[in-house]
Amino acid sequence: MASKNTPKAASVSDDERRWRAQSDVRTLQEAEKIRSDKSRMTEAQKEAKSQLDAMAQIAKAAPAAKAPVKKPASNSMDDFIKQRESRK
């Protein structure tokens, strides 16, 4: 439940709330079908473990080396503007 300090979500229309509730019901129905089908649930659990393991590897990995910083162009912005104006 939201606390008094939690900012309110942007105003949602009645149609949006109804659509969201309908979508949530479909999601819950599908989840229940998966839970009641032993082979589907087993496969889903295997996939979830695989994804968790992959995420754990990412979390453990050392940060990638920083990309080299590009040196600024020899011409400054003022030089660029002057060149552009001289072509007019």
C-alpha atoms as a PDB file:
ATOM      1  CA  MET A   1       0.000   0.000   0.000  1.00  0.00           C
ATOM      2  CA  ALA A   2       1.307   3.449  -0.827  1.00  0.00           C
ATOM      3  CA  SER A   3       2.398   5.671   2.001  1.00  0.00           C
ATOM      4  CA  LYS A   4       1.356   9.272   2.404  1.00  0.00           C
ATOM      5  CA  ASN A   5       4.798  10.385   1.217  1.00  0.00           C
ATOM      6  CA  THR A   6       4.616   8.449  -2.056  1.00  0.00           C
ATOM      7  CA  PRO A   7       3.880  10.742  -4.998  1.00  0.00           C
ATOM      8  CA  LYS A   8       0.656   9.953  -6.821  1.00  0.00           C
ATOM      9  CA  ALA A   9       0.921   8.402 -10.259  1.00  0.00           C
ATOM     10  CA  ALA A  10      -0.097  10.468 -13.232  1.00  0.00           C
ATOM     11  CA  SER A  11      -3.833  10.604 -13.682  1.00  0.00           C
ATOM     12  CA  VAL A  12      -5.081   7.508 -15.469  1.00  0.00           C
ATOM     13  CA  SER A  13      -8.363   7.439 -17.332  1.00  0.00           C
ATOM     14  CA  ASP A  14     -11.125   5.014 -16.411  1.00  0.00           C
ATOM     15  CA  ASP A  15     -10.577   3.212 -19.732  1.00  0.00           C
ATOM     16  CA  GLU A  16      -6.863   2.805 -18.995  1.00  0.00           C
ATOM     17  CA  ARG A  17      -7.583   1.440 -15.502  1.00  0.00           C
ATOM     18  CA  ARG A  18     -10.129  -0.999 -16.919  1.00  0.00           C
ATOM     19  CA  TRP A  19      -7.753  -2.155 -19.673  1.00  0.00           C
ATOM     20  CA  ARG A  20      -4.951  -2.611 -17.137  1.00  0.00           C
ATOM     21  CA  ALA A  21      -7.206  -4.642 -14.818  1.00  0.00           C
ATOM     22  CA  GLN A  22      -8.297  -6.846 -17.722  1.00  0.00           C
ATOM     23  CA  SER A  23      -4.682  -7.365 -18.762  1.00  0.00           C
ATOM     24  CA  ASP A  24      -3.717  -8.217 -15.182  1.00  0.00           C
ATOM     25  CA  VAL A  25      -6.498 -10.810 -14.997  1.00  0.00           C
ATOM     26  CA  ARG A  26      -5.240 -12.436 -18.217  1.00  0.00           C
ATOM     27  CA  THR A  27      -1.705 -12.466 -16.804  1.00  0.00           C
ATOM     28  CA  LEU A  28      -2.859 -14.060 -13.548  1.00  0.00           C
ATOM     29  CA  GLN A  29      -4.901 -16.654 -15.455  1.00  0.00           C
ATOM     30  CA  GLU A  30      -1.881 -17.559 -17.586  1.00  0.00           C
ATOM     31  CA  ALA A  31       0.337 -17.784 -14.500  1.00  0.00           C
ATOM     32  CA  GLU A  32      -2.151 -20.152 -12.877  1.00  0.00           C
ATOM     33  CA  LYS A  33      -2.169 -22.360 -15.997  1.00  0.00           C
ATOM     34  CA  ILE A  34       1.633 -22.535 -15.857  1.00  0.00           C
ATOM     35  CA  ARG A  35       1.652 -23.353 -12.134  1.00  0.00           C
ATOM     36  CA  SER A  36      -0.847 -26.184 -12.599  1.00  0.00           C
ATOM     37  CA  ASP A  37       1.086 -27.748 -15.529  1.00  0.00           C
ATOM     38  CA  LYS A  38       4.021 -29.569 -13.934  1.00  0.00           C
ATOM     39  CA  SER A  39       6.156 -29.786 -17.088  1.00  0.00           C
ATOM     40  CA  ARG A  40       5.580 -26.130 -17.981  1.00  0.00           C
ATOM     41  CA  MET A  41       6.404 -25.030 -14.452  1.00  0.00           C
ATOM     42  CA  THR A  42       9.573 -27.132 -14.452  1.00  0.00           C
ATOM     43  CA  GLU A  43      10.708 -25.594 -17.748  1.00  0.00           C
ATOM     44  CA  ALA A  44       9.862 -22.094 -16.528  1.00  0.00           C
ATOM     45  CA  GLN A  45      11.878 -22.680 -13.347  1.00  0.00           C
ATOM     46  CA  LYS A  46      14.866 -23.926 -15.378  1.00  0.00           C
ATOM     47  CA  GLU A  47      14.685 -20.829 -17.576  1.00  0.00           C
ATOM     48  CA  ALA A  48      14.360 -18.541 -14.553  1.00  0.00           C
ATOM     49  CA  LYS A  49      17.438 -20.147 -12.964  1.00  0.00           C
ATOM     50  CA  SER A  50      19.371 -19.782 -16.205  1.00  0.00           C
ATOM     51  CA  GLN A  51      18.495 -16.090 -16.408  1.00  0.00           C
ATOM     52  CA  LEU A  52      19.382 -15.573 -12.742  1.00  0.00           C
ATOM     53  CA  ASP A  53      22.746 -17.257 -13.296  1.00  0.00           C
ATOM     54  CA  ALA A  54      23.415 -15.037 -16.311  1.00  0.00           C
ATOM     55  CA  MET A  55      22.528 -11.930 -14.316  1.00  0.00           C
ATOM     56  CA  ALA A  56      24.780 -13.067 -11.457  1.00  0.00           C
ATOM     57  CA  GLN A  57      27.687 -13.366 -13.905  1.00  0.00           C
ATOM     58  CA  ILE A  58      27.029  -9.846 -15.138  1.00  0.00           C
ATOM     59  CA  ALA A  59      26.878  -8.548 -11.566  1.00  0.00           C
ATOM     60  CA  LYS A  60      30.196 -10.245 -10.713  1.00  0.00           C
ATOM     61  CA  ALA A  61      32.011  -9.132 -13.856  1.00  0.00           C
ATOM     62  CA  ALA A  62      34.611  -6.435 -13.589  1.00  0.00           C
ATOM     63  CA  PRO A  63      33.560  -3.146 -15.132  1.00  0.00           C
ATOM     64  CA  ALA A  64      34.678  -2.693 -18.705  1.00  0.00           C
ATOM     65  CA  ALA A  65      37.631  -0.436 -19.307  1.00  0.00           C
ATOM     66  CA  LYS A  66      36.668   3.140 -19.953  1.00  0.00           C
ATOM     67  CA  ALA A  67      36.603   4.229 -23.553  1.00  0.00           C
ATOM     68  CA  PRO A  68      39.442   6.546 -24.477  1.00  0.00           C
ATOM     69  CA  VAL A  69      38.575  10.206 -24.346  1.00  0.00           C
ATOM     70  CA  LYS A  70      38.608  11.876 -27.723  1.00  0.00           C
ATOM     71  CA  LYS A  71      40.875  14.838 -27.988  1.00  0.00           C
ATOM     72  CA  PRO A  72      39.064  17.990 -28.999  1.00  0.00           C
ATOM     73  CA  ALA A  73      39.445  19.032 -32.597  1.00  0.00           C
ATOM     74  CA  SER A  74      42.265  21.437 -33.220  1.00  0.00           C
ATOM     75  CA  ASN A  75      39.804  24.038 -34.443  1.00  0.00           C
ATOM     76  CA  SER A  76      37.686  25.702 -31.840  1.00  0.00           C
ATOM     77  CA  MET A  77      34.007  26.450 -32.309  1.00  0.00           C
ATOM     78  CA  ASP A  78      34.907  30.070 -32.976  1.00  0.00           C
ATOM     79  CA  ASP A  79      37.218  28.981 -35.813  1.00  0.00           C
ATOM     80  CA  PHE A  80      34.448  26.819 -37.231  1.00  0.00           C
ATOM     81  CA  ILE A  81      31.984  29.703 -37.185  1.00  0.00           C
ATOM     82  CA  LYS A  82      34.517  32.044 -38.799  1.00  0.00           C
ATOM     83  CA  GLN A  83      35.200  29.515 -41.573  1.00  0.00           C
ATOM     84  CA  ARG A  84      31.510  29.028 -42.159  1.00  0.00           C
ATOM     85  CA  GLU A  85      30.831  32.743 -42.324  1.00  0.00           C
ATOM     86  CA  SER A  86      33.754  33.327 -44.686  1.00  0.00           C
ATOM     87  CA  ARG A  87      32.148  30.932 -47.187  1.00  0.00           C
ATOM     88  CA  LYS A  88      29.026  33.065 -47.457  1.00  0.00           C
END
